[in-house]
N, C-alpha and C. Protein backbone atom coordinates (compact mmCIF):
# COMPACT_ATOMS: atom_id res chain seq x y z
N MET A 1 41.16 1.83 -90.01
CA MET A 1 39.91 2.20 -89.34
C MET A 1 39.14 3.18 -90.22
N SER A 2 37.85 2.95 -90.38
CA SER A 2 37.01 3.82 -91.20
C SER A 2 36.61 5.06 -90.38
N VAL A 3 36.86 6.23 -90.94
CA VAL A 3 36.39 7.45 -90.29
C VAL A 3 35.05 7.88 -90.88
N ILE A 4 34.76 7.42 -92.11
CA ILE A 4 33.47 7.64 -92.75
C ILE A 4 32.99 6.32 -93.30
N SER A 5 31.77 5.94 -92.98
CA SER A 5 31.23 4.66 -93.46
C SER A 5 29.77 4.85 -93.87
N LEU A 6 29.48 4.52 -95.12
CA LEU A 6 28.11 4.57 -95.63
C LEU A 6 27.69 3.15 -96.00
N GLN A 7 26.52 2.77 -95.54
CA GLN A 7 25.97 1.46 -95.85
C GLN A 7 24.59 1.64 -96.49
N ASP A 8 24.52 1.33 -97.80
CA ASP A 8 23.26 1.43 -98.54
C ASP A 8 22.60 2.80 -98.35
N ALA A 9 23.42 3.85 -98.33
CA ALA A 9 22.91 5.20 -98.08
C ALA A 9 22.13 5.71 -99.28
N ARG A 10 20.97 6.28 -98.99
CA ARG A 10 20.10 6.81 -100.04
C ARG A 10 19.70 8.23 -99.69
N LEU A 11 19.43 9.01 -100.72
CA LEU A 11 18.99 10.38 -100.52
C LEU A 11 17.92 10.72 -101.54
N ALA A 12 16.77 11.17 -101.04
CA ALA A 12 15.69 11.64 -101.90
C ALA A 12 15.26 13.00 -101.40
N LEU A 13 14.97 13.91 -102.31
CA LEU A 13 14.56 15.26 -101.96
C LEU A 13 13.22 15.57 -102.62
N GLU A 14 12.44 16.37 -101.93
CA GLU A 14 11.16 16.79 -102.48
C GLU A 14 11.36 18.00 -103.38
N SER A 15 10.68 18.03 -104.51
CA SER A 15 10.77 19.14 -105.43
C SER A 15 9.38 19.51 -105.93
N ASN A 16 9.31 20.50 -106.80
CA ASN A 16 8.02 20.92 -107.36
C ASN A 16 7.36 19.82 -108.19
N VAL A 17 8.17 18.90 -108.69
CA VAL A 17 7.64 17.82 -109.52
C VAL A 17 7.51 16.52 -108.73
N GLY A 18 7.68 16.61 -107.41
CA GLY A 18 7.56 15.42 -106.58
C GLY A 18 8.89 14.97 -106.02
N ARG A 19 8.93 13.77 -105.54
CA ARG A 19 10.12 13.21 -104.89
C ARG A 19 11.17 12.85 -105.94
N VAL A 20 12.39 13.31 -105.72
CA VAL A 20 13.49 13.04 -106.65
C VAL A 20 14.54 12.19 -105.94
N GLU A 21 14.85 11.05 -106.51
CA GLU A 21 15.88 10.16 -105.94
C GLU A 21 17.25 10.65 -106.40
N ILE A 22 18.09 11.03 -105.44
CA ILE A 22 19.40 11.61 -105.74
C ILE A 22 20.51 10.56 -105.66
N LEU A 23 20.53 9.80 -104.57
CA LEU A 23 21.54 8.77 -104.36
C LEU A 23 20.85 7.43 -104.11
N HIS A 24 21.41 6.38 -104.70
CA HIS A 24 20.78 5.05 -104.67
C HIS A 24 21.74 4.03 -104.06
N GLY A 25 21.60 3.76 -102.78
CA GLY A 25 22.32 2.65 -102.17
C GLY A 25 23.83 2.75 -102.23
N ILE A 26 24.39 3.84 -101.70
CA ILE A 26 25.84 4.03 -101.70
C ILE A 26 26.46 3.30 -100.51
N THR A 27 27.39 2.40 -100.77
CA THR A 27 28.14 1.72 -99.72
C THR A 27 29.63 2.04 -99.93
N LEU A 28 30.23 2.63 -98.89
CA LEU A 28 31.59 3.16 -99.05
C LEU A 28 32.23 3.33 -97.68
N ASP A 29 33.51 2.96 -97.57
CA ASP A 29 34.28 3.21 -96.36
C ASP A 29 35.51 4.04 -96.71
N VAL A 30 35.75 5.07 -95.91
CA VAL A 30 36.92 5.93 -96.08
C VAL A 30 37.78 5.77 -94.84
N THR A 31 39.03 5.39 -95.02
CA THR A 31 39.91 5.11 -93.89
C THR A 31 40.66 6.37 -93.46
N ARG A 32 41.16 6.35 -92.24
CA ARG A 32 41.86 7.49 -91.67
C ARG A 32 43.08 7.87 -92.52
N GLY A 33 43.20 9.13 -92.86
CA GLY A 33 44.32 9.63 -93.63
C GLY A 33 44.21 9.44 -95.12
N GLU A 34 43.13 8.82 -95.58
CA GLU A 34 42.96 8.58 -97.01
C GLU A 34 42.46 9.84 -97.71
N THR A 35 42.83 9.98 -98.98
CA THR A 35 42.33 11.07 -99.81
C THR A 35 41.47 10.48 -100.93
N ILE A 36 40.21 10.90 -100.98
CA ILE A 36 39.23 10.38 -101.92
C ILE A 36 38.82 11.49 -102.89
N GLY A 37 38.84 11.18 -104.19
CA GLY A 37 38.32 12.09 -105.19
C GLY A 37 36.99 11.59 -105.70
N LEU A 38 35.95 12.41 -105.60
CA LEU A 38 34.64 12.07 -106.13
C LEU A 38 34.47 12.74 -107.48
N VAL A 39 34.31 11.95 -108.53
CA VAL A 39 34.22 12.50 -109.88
C VAL A 39 32.96 11.96 -110.56
N GLY A 40 32.63 12.55 -111.71
CA GLY A 40 31.46 12.12 -112.46
C GLY A 40 30.80 13.30 -113.12
N PRO A 41 29.89 13.06 -114.04
CA PRO A 41 29.21 14.15 -114.75
C PRO A 41 28.35 14.98 -113.81
N SER A 42 27.99 16.18 -114.26
CA SER A 42 27.09 17.03 -113.48
C SER A 42 25.78 16.29 -113.23
N GLY A 43 25.28 16.39 -111.99
CA GLY A 43 24.03 15.72 -111.65
C GLY A 43 24.19 14.27 -111.26
N SER A 44 25.44 13.80 -111.13
CA SER A 44 25.65 12.39 -110.79
C SER A 44 25.53 12.12 -109.30
N GLY A 45 25.49 13.19 -108.48
CA GLY A 45 25.33 12.99 -107.03
C GLY A 45 26.58 13.23 -106.21
N LYS A 46 27.63 13.79 -106.82
CA LYS A 46 28.89 13.98 -106.10
C LYS A 46 28.74 14.90 -104.89
N SER A 47 28.19 16.08 -105.13
CA SER A 47 28.04 17.04 -104.04
C SER A 47 27.06 16.54 -102.99
N SER A 48 26.01 15.85 -103.42
CA SER A 48 25.04 15.30 -102.48
C SER A 48 25.69 14.26 -101.57
N LEU A 49 26.57 13.45 -102.13
CA LEU A 49 27.29 12.46 -101.33
C LEU A 49 28.19 13.15 -100.31
N LEU A 50 28.85 14.21 -100.73
CA LEU A 50 29.70 14.96 -99.80
C LEU A 50 28.85 15.57 -98.68
N MET A 51 27.66 16.07 -99.03
CA MET A 51 26.78 16.65 -98.03
C MET A 51 26.32 15.60 -97.01
N LEU A 52 26.09 14.38 -97.47
CA LEU A 52 25.75 13.30 -96.53
C LEU A 52 26.90 13.05 -95.57
N MET A 53 28.12 13.03 -96.08
CA MET A 53 29.28 12.78 -95.23
C MET A 53 29.46 13.87 -94.18
N GLY A 54 29.08 15.09 -94.53
CA GLY A 54 29.23 16.20 -93.60
C GLY A 54 28.02 16.44 -92.71
N GLY A 55 27.00 15.59 -92.84
CA GLY A 55 25.80 15.78 -92.04
C GLY A 55 25.00 17.00 -92.45
N LEU A 56 25.25 17.51 -93.66
CA LEU A 56 24.52 18.67 -94.17
C LEU A 56 23.23 18.25 -94.87
N GLU A 57 23.14 16.99 -95.21
CA GLU A 57 21.90 16.35 -95.66
C GLU A 57 21.77 15.04 -94.88
N ARG A 58 20.55 14.66 -94.59
CA ARG A 58 20.32 13.41 -93.87
C ARG A 58 19.90 12.33 -94.86
N PRO A 59 20.43 11.11 -94.70
CA PRO A 59 20.03 10.04 -95.61
C PRO A 59 18.56 9.70 -95.42
N THR A 60 17.90 9.37 -96.50
CA THR A 60 16.50 8.92 -96.43
C THR A 60 16.43 7.39 -96.40
N GLY A 61 17.58 6.76 -96.39
CA GLY A 61 17.67 5.31 -96.27
C GLY A 61 19.10 4.92 -95.99
N GLY A 62 19.31 3.76 -95.37
CA GLY A 62 20.66 3.32 -95.06
C GLY A 62 21.26 4.11 -93.91
N THR A 63 22.57 3.98 -93.73
CA THR A 63 23.25 4.65 -92.61
C THR A 63 24.49 5.39 -93.09
N VAL A 64 24.79 6.47 -92.37
CA VAL A 64 26.03 7.22 -92.56
C VAL A 64 26.66 7.39 -91.19
N ARG A 65 27.87 6.86 -91.03
CA ARG A 65 28.59 6.99 -89.76
C ARG A 65 29.88 7.77 -90.01
N VAL A 66 30.13 8.73 -89.14
CA VAL A 66 31.34 9.55 -89.21
C VAL A 66 31.98 9.56 -87.83
N LEU A 67 33.24 9.13 -87.76
CA LEU A 67 33.95 9.04 -86.48
C LEU A 67 33.11 8.29 -85.46
N ASP A 68 32.50 7.20 -85.94
CA ASP A 68 31.69 6.28 -85.14
C ASP A 68 30.40 6.92 -84.61
N ASN A 69 29.96 8.01 -85.23
CA ASN A 69 28.68 8.61 -84.89
C ASN A 69 27.68 8.31 -86.00
N ASP A 70 26.50 7.83 -85.63
CA ASP A 70 25.43 7.61 -86.60
C ASP A 70 24.75 8.96 -86.84
N LEU A 71 24.98 9.56 -88.01
CA LEU A 71 24.49 10.90 -88.26
C LEU A 71 22.96 10.98 -88.27
N SER A 72 22.30 9.88 -88.61
CA SER A 72 20.83 9.89 -88.69
C SER A 72 20.19 10.12 -87.33
N SER A 73 20.85 9.69 -86.27
CA SER A 73 20.26 9.77 -84.93
C SER A 73 20.66 11.04 -84.18
N MET A 74 21.45 11.90 -84.81
CA MET A 74 21.96 13.09 -84.13
C MET A 74 21.04 14.30 -84.37
N THR A 75 20.95 15.16 -83.36
CA THR A 75 20.20 16.40 -83.51
C THR A 75 21.01 17.37 -84.38
N GLU A 76 20.35 18.43 -84.84
CA GLU A 76 21.05 19.44 -85.64
C GLU A 76 22.17 20.07 -84.83
N ASP A 77 21.95 20.32 -83.55
CA ASP A 77 22.99 20.91 -82.70
C ASP A 77 24.18 19.98 -82.57
N ALA A 78 23.90 18.68 -82.40
CA ALA A 78 24.99 17.71 -82.28
C ALA A 78 25.78 17.60 -83.58
N LEU A 79 25.08 17.64 -84.71
CA LEU A 79 25.75 17.62 -86.01
C LEU A 79 26.64 18.86 -86.18
N ALA A 80 26.13 20.01 -85.76
CA ALA A 80 26.91 21.25 -85.87
C ALA A 80 28.16 21.16 -85.02
N ARG A 81 28.06 20.57 -83.83
CA ARG A 81 29.24 20.42 -82.96
C ARG A 81 30.24 19.46 -83.58
N LEU A 82 29.74 18.37 -84.19
CA LEU A 82 30.63 17.41 -84.85
C LEU A 82 31.41 18.09 -85.96
N ARG A 83 30.72 18.88 -86.78
CA ARG A 83 31.41 19.60 -87.86
C ARG A 83 32.40 20.60 -87.29
N ARG A 84 31.97 21.34 -86.27
CA ARG A 84 32.83 22.37 -85.68
C ARG A 84 34.11 21.79 -85.10
N ASP A 85 33.99 20.66 -84.42
CA ASP A 85 35.13 20.10 -83.69
C ASP A 85 35.98 19.14 -84.50
N HIS A 86 35.42 18.55 -85.57
CA HIS A 86 36.15 17.47 -86.24
C HIS A 86 36.24 17.60 -87.76
N MET A 87 35.54 18.56 -88.35
CA MET A 87 35.53 18.66 -89.81
C MET A 87 35.88 20.07 -90.28
N GLY A 88 36.49 20.12 -91.45
CA GLY A 88 36.65 21.38 -92.16
C GLY A 88 35.97 21.23 -93.50
N VAL A 89 35.15 22.22 -93.88
CA VAL A 89 34.39 22.14 -95.13
C VAL A 89 34.74 23.33 -96.00
N VAL A 90 35.08 23.05 -97.27
CA VAL A 90 35.42 24.10 -98.23
C VAL A 90 34.47 23.99 -99.41
N PHE A 91 33.81 25.10 -99.73
CA PHE A 91 32.86 25.12 -100.83
C PHE A 91 33.42 25.89 -102.03
N GLN A 92 32.82 25.67 -103.18
CA GLN A 92 33.22 26.36 -104.39
C GLN A 92 33.01 27.87 -104.26
N SER A 93 31.97 28.27 -103.54
CA SER A 93 31.60 29.68 -103.48
C SER A 93 32.06 30.39 -102.20
N PHE A 94 33.05 29.84 -101.53
CA PHE A 94 33.79 30.47 -100.42
C PHE A 94 32.99 30.56 -99.11
N HIS A 95 31.77 31.14 -99.13
CA HIS A 95 30.94 31.29 -97.94
C HIS A 95 31.64 32.05 -96.81
N LEU A 96 32.32 33.13 -97.17
CA LEU A 96 32.90 33.99 -96.15
C LEU A 96 31.85 34.98 -95.65
N ILE A 97 32.03 35.45 -94.42
CA ILE A 97 31.12 36.44 -93.85
C ILE A 97 31.58 37.82 -94.32
N PRO A 98 30.78 38.53 -95.13
CA PRO A 98 31.26 39.75 -95.77
C PRO A 98 31.61 40.88 -94.82
N THR A 99 31.00 40.89 -93.64
CA THR A 99 31.24 41.98 -92.69
C THR A 99 32.42 41.70 -91.76
N MET A 100 33.10 40.59 -91.97
CA MET A 100 34.26 40.24 -91.15
C MET A 100 35.53 40.26 -91.99
N THR A 101 36.63 40.64 -91.37
CA THR A 101 37.92 40.59 -92.05
C THR A 101 38.35 39.14 -92.25
N ALA A 102 39.40 38.97 -93.05
CA ALA A 102 39.94 37.62 -93.25
C ALA A 102 40.29 36.98 -91.91
N LEU A 103 40.94 37.75 -91.04
CA LEU A 103 41.33 37.23 -89.73
C LEU A 103 40.11 36.81 -88.91
N GLU A 104 39.08 37.64 -88.92
CA GLU A 104 37.88 37.33 -88.14
C GLU A 104 37.15 36.12 -88.71
N ASN A 105 37.12 35.99 -90.05
CA ASN A 105 36.48 34.84 -90.67
C ASN A 105 37.15 33.55 -90.23
N VAL A 106 38.48 33.55 -90.18
CA VAL A 106 39.21 32.33 -89.81
C VAL A 106 39.12 32.07 -88.31
N ALA A 107 39.08 33.15 -87.52
CA ALA A 107 39.05 32.99 -86.06
C ALA A 107 37.70 32.54 -85.53
N THR A 108 36.63 32.83 -86.27
CA THR A 108 35.28 32.56 -85.76
C THR A 108 35.06 31.11 -85.32
N PRO A 109 35.38 30.09 -86.15
CA PRO A 109 35.15 28.72 -85.66
C PRO A 109 36.01 28.37 -84.45
N LEU A 110 37.19 28.98 -84.35
CA LEU A 110 38.04 28.73 -83.18
C LEU A 110 37.42 29.32 -81.93
N GLU A 111 36.86 30.52 -82.07
CA GLU A 111 36.21 31.17 -80.92
C GLU A 111 34.98 30.37 -80.49
N LEU A 112 34.24 29.87 -81.46
CA LEU A 112 33.06 29.06 -81.14
C LEU A 112 33.44 27.77 -80.42
N SER A 113 34.66 27.29 -80.67
CA SER A 113 35.16 26.08 -80.01
C SER A 113 35.78 26.38 -78.65
N GLY A 114 35.82 27.67 -78.30
CA GLY A 114 36.37 28.06 -76.99
C GLY A 114 37.88 28.15 -76.94
N GLU A 115 38.53 28.27 -78.10
CA GLU A 115 39.99 28.37 -78.13
C GLU A 115 40.43 29.74 -77.62
N SER A 116 41.33 29.75 -76.67
CA SER A 116 41.77 31.02 -76.06
C SER A 116 42.71 31.81 -76.97
N ASP A 117 43.39 31.11 -77.88
CA ASP A 117 44.35 31.77 -78.77
C ASP A 117 43.82 31.84 -80.20
N ALA A 118 42.51 32.07 -80.35
CA ALA A 118 41.86 32.02 -81.65
C ALA A 118 42.50 32.96 -82.66
N MET A 119 42.74 34.21 -82.27
CA MET A 119 43.30 35.18 -83.20
C MET A 119 44.73 34.81 -83.62
N LYS A 120 45.51 34.32 -82.67
CA LYS A 120 46.89 33.93 -82.97
C LYS A 120 46.91 32.77 -83.96
N ARG A 121 46.08 31.78 -83.72
CA ARG A 121 46.04 30.62 -84.62
C ARG A 121 45.48 30.99 -85.98
N ALA A 122 44.48 31.88 -86.00
CA ALA A 122 43.92 32.32 -87.27
C ALA A 122 44.97 33.05 -88.10
N ARG A 123 45.74 33.90 -87.46
CA ARG A 123 46.80 34.62 -88.17
C ARG A 123 47.84 33.64 -88.73
N SER A 124 48.17 32.62 -87.93
CA SER A 124 49.14 31.62 -88.38
C SER A 124 48.64 30.86 -89.59
N GLU A 125 47.34 30.51 -89.60
CA GLU A 125 46.77 29.78 -90.75
C GLU A 125 46.75 30.66 -92.00
N LEU A 126 46.45 31.95 -91.83
CA LEU A 126 46.46 32.86 -92.98
C LEU A 126 47.87 33.04 -93.53
N GLU A 127 48.85 33.08 -92.64
CA GLU A 127 50.24 33.16 -93.10
C GLU A 127 50.62 31.90 -93.87
N ALA A 128 50.09 30.76 -93.43
CA ALA A 128 50.42 29.48 -94.08
C ALA A 128 49.88 29.42 -95.50
N VAL A 129 48.80 30.17 -95.79
CA VAL A 129 48.25 30.18 -97.15
C VAL A 129 48.66 31.44 -97.91
N GLY A 130 49.66 32.15 -97.39
CA GLY A 130 50.22 33.29 -98.11
C GLY A 130 49.46 34.59 -97.98
N LEU A 131 48.65 34.72 -96.92
CA LEU A 131 47.84 35.92 -96.75
C LEU A 131 48.19 36.69 -95.49
N GLY A 132 49.41 36.57 -95.04
CA GLY A 132 49.81 37.27 -93.82
C GLY A 132 49.65 38.77 -93.90
N SER A 133 49.74 39.32 -95.10
CA SER A 133 49.62 40.77 -95.27
C SER A 133 48.19 41.22 -95.55
N ARG A 134 47.25 40.28 -95.57
CA ARG A 134 45.87 40.60 -95.94
C ARG A 134 44.88 40.31 -94.81
N VAL A 135 45.38 40.13 -93.61
CA VAL A 135 44.52 39.69 -92.51
C VAL A 135 43.41 40.69 -92.19
N GLY A 136 43.66 41.99 -92.43
CA GLY A 136 42.68 43.01 -92.11
C GLY A 136 41.74 43.35 -93.24
N HIS A 137 41.84 42.64 -94.35
CA HIS A 137 41.00 42.93 -95.51
C HIS A 137 39.68 42.16 -95.43
N TYR A 138 38.63 42.80 -95.98
CA TYR A 138 37.31 42.17 -96.05
C TYR A 138 37.20 41.37 -97.35
N PRO A 139 36.29 40.39 -97.41
CA PRO A 139 36.16 39.57 -98.62
C PRO A 139 36.04 40.39 -99.90
N SER A 140 35.30 41.50 -99.86
CA SER A 140 35.13 42.32 -101.06
C SER A 140 36.43 42.96 -101.54
N GLN A 141 37.42 42.98 -100.66
CA GLN A 141 38.72 43.56 -101.00
C GLN A 141 39.72 42.50 -101.46
N LEU A 142 39.26 41.26 -101.54
CA LEU A 142 40.13 40.14 -101.91
C LEU A 142 39.70 39.57 -103.25
N SER A 143 40.66 39.04 -104.00
CA SER A 143 40.36 38.36 -105.25
C SER A 143 39.70 37.01 -104.95
N GLY A 144 39.17 36.37 -106.00
CA GLY A 144 38.56 35.06 -105.81
C GLY A 144 39.55 34.05 -105.25
N GLY A 145 40.77 34.06 -105.77
CA GLY A 145 41.79 33.14 -105.27
C GLY A 145 42.13 33.40 -103.82
N GLU A 146 42.18 34.69 -103.44
CA GLU A 146 42.47 35.03 -102.04
C GLU A 146 41.32 34.63 -101.13
N GLN A 147 40.09 34.82 -101.59
CA GLN A 147 38.95 34.41 -100.77
C GLN A 147 38.95 32.90 -100.53
N GLN A 148 39.32 32.12 -101.56
CA GLN A 148 39.37 30.68 -101.37
C GLN A 148 40.50 30.30 -100.42
N ARG A 149 41.58 31.06 -100.43
CA ARG A 149 42.66 30.82 -99.46
C ARG A 149 42.18 31.06 -98.03
N VAL A 150 41.37 32.11 -97.85
CA VAL A 150 40.80 32.37 -96.53
C VAL A 150 39.90 31.20 -96.12
N ALA A 151 39.09 30.72 -97.07
CA ALA A 151 38.20 29.59 -96.78
C ALA A 151 39.00 28.34 -96.40
N LEU A 152 40.12 28.12 -97.07
CA LEU A 152 40.97 26.98 -96.72
C LEU A 152 41.56 27.15 -95.33
N ALA A 153 42.04 28.37 -95.04
CA ALA A 153 42.61 28.63 -93.72
C ALA A 153 41.56 28.42 -92.63
N ARG A 154 40.34 28.87 -92.89
CA ARG A 154 39.26 28.69 -91.92
C ARG A 154 38.96 27.21 -91.70
N ALA A 155 38.94 26.43 -92.78
CA ALA A 155 38.66 25.00 -92.67
C ALA A 155 39.76 24.27 -91.90
N ALA A 156 40.99 24.75 -92.03
CA ALA A 156 42.12 24.06 -91.40
C ALA A 156 42.39 24.55 -89.98
N ALA A 157 41.83 25.69 -89.61
CA ALA A 157 42.19 26.33 -88.35
C ALA A 157 41.90 25.46 -87.13
N THR A 158 40.83 24.68 -87.19
CA THR A 158 40.48 23.83 -86.05
C THR A 158 41.23 22.50 -86.06
N ARG A 159 42.16 22.35 -87.03
CA ARG A 159 42.93 21.12 -87.19
C ARG A 159 42.02 19.90 -87.26
N PRO A 160 41.14 19.89 -88.25
CA PRO A 160 40.10 18.86 -88.33
C PRO A 160 40.66 17.49 -88.70
N GLU A 161 39.94 16.47 -88.28
CA GLU A 161 40.29 15.11 -88.66
C GLU A 161 39.83 14.81 -90.08
N ILE A 162 38.81 15.53 -90.53
CA ILE A 162 38.24 15.30 -91.87
C ILE A 162 38.12 16.64 -92.59
N LEU A 163 38.61 16.68 -93.83
CA LEU A 163 38.43 17.84 -94.70
C LEU A 163 37.52 17.44 -95.85
N LEU A 164 36.45 18.19 -96.06
CA LEU A 164 35.53 17.97 -97.16
C LEU A 164 35.60 19.18 -98.08
N ALA A 165 35.82 18.96 -99.36
CA ALA A 165 35.96 20.07 -100.31
C ALA A 165 35.09 19.82 -101.53
N ASP A 166 34.21 20.78 -101.82
CA ASP A 166 33.27 20.67 -102.93
C ASP A 166 33.71 21.61 -104.05
N GLU A 167 34.33 21.05 -105.09
CA GLU A 167 34.83 21.83 -106.23
C GLU A 167 35.63 23.05 -105.77
N PRO A 168 36.68 22.86 -104.98
CA PRO A 168 37.39 24.01 -104.40
C PRO A 168 38.08 24.89 -105.42
N THR A 169 38.29 24.39 -106.65
CA THR A 169 38.93 25.20 -107.68
C THR A 169 37.96 25.61 -108.78
N GLY A 170 36.67 25.31 -108.59
CA GLY A 170 35.69 25.49 -109.66
C GLY A 170 35.49 26.92 -110.11
N ASN A 171 35.66 27.90 -109.20
CA ASN A 171 35.41 29.30 -109.55
C ASN A 171 36.69 30.06 -109.85
N LEU A 172 37.80 29.34 -110.03
CA LEU A 172 39.09 30.00 -110.16
C LEU A 172 39.71 29.75 -111.53
N ASP A 173 40.59 30.68 -111.94
CA ASP A 173 41.33 30.46 -113.18
C ASP A 173 42.38 29.38 -112.96
N GLU A 174 43.07 29.00 -114.03
CA GLU A 174 43.99 27.86 -113.95
C GLU A 174 45.10 28.07 -112.94
N ALA A 175 45.69 29.28 -112.95
CA ALA A 175 46.82 29.54 -112.05
C ALA A 175 46.38 29.50 -110.59
N ASN A 176 45.26 30.19 -110.29
CA ASN A 176 44.77 30.18 -108.91
C ASN A 176 44.27 28.80 -108.51
N GLY A 177 43.67 28.09 -109.46
CA GLY A 177 43.21 26.73 -109.17
C GLY A 177 44.35 25.81 -108.78
N LYS A 178 45.47 25.92 -109.48
CA LYS A 178 46.62 25.08 -109.15
C LYS A 178 47.19 25.44 -107.78
N ALA A 179 47.22 26.75 -107.48
CA ALA A 179 47.74 27.18 -106.18
C ALA A 179 46.86 26.66 -105.04
N ILE A 180 45.54 26.74 -105.22
CA ILE A 180 44.61 26.24 -104.20
C ILE A 180 44.74 24.73 -104.05
N MET A 181 44.91 24.04 -105.17
CA MET A 181 45.08 22.59 -105.14
C MET A 181 46.31 22.21 -104.31
N ASP A 182 47.41 22.93 -104.54
CA ASP A 182 48.64 22.65 -103.78
C ASP A 182 48.43 22.93 -102.30
N LEU A 183 47.75 24.04 -101.99
CA LEU A 183 47.50 24.40 -100.59
C LEU A 183 46.61 23.37 -99.91
N LEU A 184 45.62 22.87 -100.63
CA LEU A 184 44.70 21.88 -100.05
C LEU A 184 45.45 20.62 -99.63
N PHE A 185 46.31 20.15 -100.49
CA PHE A 185 47.07 18.94 -100.15
C PHE A 185 48.12 19.22 -99.08
N ASP A 186 48.64 20.45 -99.05
CA ASP A 186 49.57 20.83 -97.99
C ASP A 186 48.86 20.84 -96.64
N LEU A 187 47.63 21.37 -96.60
CA LEU A 187 46.86 21.36 -95.37
C LEU A 187 46.58 19.94 -94.91
N ARG A 188 46.25 19.07 -95.84
CA ARG A 188 46.03 17.66 -95.51
C ARG A 188 47.28 17.07 -94.86
N ASP A 189 48.44 17.35 -95.46
CA ASP A 189 49.68 16.79 -94.95
C ASP A 189 50.05 17.37 -93.58
N ARG A 190 49.84 18.68 -93.42
CA ARG A 190 50.22 19.32 -92.16
C ARG A 190 49.38 18.84 -91.00
N HIS A 191 48.10 18.59 -91.25
CA HIS A 191 47.19 18.22 -90.17
C HIS A 191 46.86 16.73 -90.15
N GLY A 192 47.38 15.96 -91.13
CA GLY A 192 47.12 14.53 -91.17
C GLY A 192 45.65 14.19 -91.34
N ALA A 193 44.94 15.05 -92.06
CA ALA A 193 43.49 14.89 -92.18
C ALA A 193 43.11 13.89 -93.26
N THR A 194 41.94 13.30 -93.10
CA THR A 194 41.29 12.55 -94.17
C THR A 194 40.63 13.57 -95.09
N LEU A 195 40.86 13.44 -96.39
CA LEU A 195 40.36 14.43 -97.35
C LEU A 195 39.43 13.77 -98.35
N VAL A 196 38.23 14.34 -98.49
CA VAL A 196 37.28 13.91 -99.52
C VAL A 196 36.95 15.14 -100.35
N LEU A 197 37.16 15.06 -101.66
CA LEU A 197 36.90 16.23 -102.49
C LEU A 197 36.14 15.87 -103.74
N VAL A 198 35.24 16.77 -104.10
CA VAL A 198 34.49 16.69 -105.36
C VAL A 198 35.23 17.54 -106.38
N THR A 199 35.48 16.97 -107.55
CA THR A 199 36.21 17.74 -108.55
C THR A 199 35.87 17.29 -109.97
N HIS A 200 35.96 18.24 -110.89
CA HIS A 200 35.91 17.92 -112.31
C HIS A 200 37.33 17.90 -112.90
N ALA A 201 38.31 18.31 -112.10
CA ALA A 201 39.68 18.46 -112.60
C ALA A 201 40.42 17.12 -112.53
N ASN A 202 40.80 16.61 -113.68
CA ASN A 202 41.50 15.32 -113.72
C ASN A 202 42.81 15.38 -112.96
N GLU A 203 43.51 16.52 -113.05
CA GLU A 203 44.81 16.65 -112.38
C GLU A 203 44.64 16.55 -110.86
N LEU A 204 43.57 17.14 -110.35
CA LEU A 204 43.30 17.09 -108.92
C LEU A 204 42.91 15.67 -108.49
N ALA A 205 42.05 15.03 -109.26
CA ALA A 205 41.65 13.66 -108.93
C ALA A 205 42.84 12.71 -108.93
N ALA A 206 43.78 12.94 -109.84
CA ALA A 206 44.93 12.05 -109.97
C ALA A 206 45.84 12.10 -108.75
N ARG A 207 45.72 13.15 -107.94
CA ARG A 207 46.55 13.27 -106.74
C ARG A 207 45.93 12.56 -105.53
N CYS A 208 44.74 12.02 -105.70
CA CYS A 208 44.05 11.34 -104.60
C CYS A 208 44.50 9.88 -104.51
N ASP A 209 44.32 9.29 -103.34
CA ASP A 209 44.65 7.87 -103.16
C ASP A 209 43.67 6.97 -103.92
N ARG A 210 42.41 7.43 -103.97
CA ARG A 210 41.36 6.63 -104.59
C ARG A 210 40.38 7.55 -105.29
N VAL A 211 39.94 7.15 -106.47
CA VAL A 211 38.98 7.93 -107.23
C VAL A 211 37.69 7.14 -107.34
N ILE A 212 36.58 7.78 -106.96
CA ILE A 212 35.27 7.14 -107.00
C ILE A 212 34.42 7.89 -108.03
N ARG A 213 34.00 7.19 -109.06
CA ARG A 213 33.20 7.81 -110.12
C ARG A 213 31.72 7.50 -109.90
N LEU A 214 30.92 8.54 -109.88
CA LEU A 214 29.48 8.37 -109.72
C LEU A 214 28.77 8.62 -111.04
N ARG A 215 27.67 7.94 -111.21
CA ARG A 215 26.80 8.14 -112.37
C ARG A 215 25.37 7.85 -111.95
N ASP A 216 24.49 8.80 -112.20
CA ASP A 216 23.06 8.64 -111.87
C ASP A 216 22.84 8.23 -110.42
N GLY A 217 23.63 8.81 -109.52
CA GLY A 217 23.41 8.57 -108.10
C GLY A 217 23.93 7.25 -107.58
N ARG A 218 24.75 6.57 -108.39
CA ARG A 218 25.34 5.29 -107.98
C ARG A 218 26.84 5.30 -108.21
N ILE A 219 27.56 4.46 -107.45
CA ILE A 219 28.99 4.32 -107.70
C ILE A 219 29.17 3.52 -108.97
N ASP A 220 29.79 4.15 -109.95
CA ASP A 220 29.98 3.53 -111.26
C ASP A 220 31.32 2.80 -111.34
N ASN A 221 32.31 3.37 -110.64
CA ASN A 221 33.64 2.80 -110.70
C ASN A 221 34.45 3.30 -109.52
N MET A 222 35.36 2.45 -109.02
CA MET A 222 36.23 2.82 -107.92
C MET A 222 37.64 2.34 -108.26
N SER A 223 38.61 3.25 -108.18
CA SER A 223 39.96 2.85 -108.58
C SER A 223 41.00 3.60 -107.80
N GLN A 224 42.17 2.97 -107.68
CA GLN A 224 43.32 3.66 -107.10
C GLN A 224 43.82 4.67 -108.12
N ALA A 225 44.10 5.88 -107.68
CA ALA A 225 44.59 6.90 -108.60
C ALA A 225 46.04 6.62 -108.95
N ALA A 226 46.40 6.98 -110.17
CA ALA A 226 47.80 6.83 -110.59
C ALA A 226 48.63 7.91 -109.94
N GLN A 227 49.66 7.52 -109.23
CA GLN A 227 50.50 8.49 -108.52
C GLN A 227 51.71 8.83 -109.36
């Protein structure tokens, strides 16, 4: 069963120099529990494709369906609820709330979902990523690797059906990047999530079930990753 389905999806954005075509007719199905690596040169459309899947950008042509919802027909509030209840999103730049502790950052999406045990679950997720002793620290008191661990814990806290990760190791050194990579796949396994990730790291792409290479806003190649 496809949890993400794009049919001839297109994306164009307005800029100072006029309309820029970003994605050209992407057709792709992602099945439940599958791990997809999106690779390709800078500017090929990888992050834009991920944004379409998460409803963070709307297609300017074609359709994008996630968990049988047509994202084009949904309001911004409905899209936000879909992400809150069914998706976890991890960005390269962490996007933590600086005035909240690690525990509060992870608990926030749970509280917004009405979970009565938000703090307990948030603490458990932080312990799972090795930050049990850092729950009271603010982002400015954490290293880059620790901040990305908090971001991973926050993404996993709602036990999402879909995990979307945009260059999750891009701002980290090799050692921290490998640790985050291991944690990301552990989260996928623990929660049985479908994982789609954008990466430049060949080692990370090789751990995916399928690798999709983009070039100039089009799918250039699709292959099963070597396991």
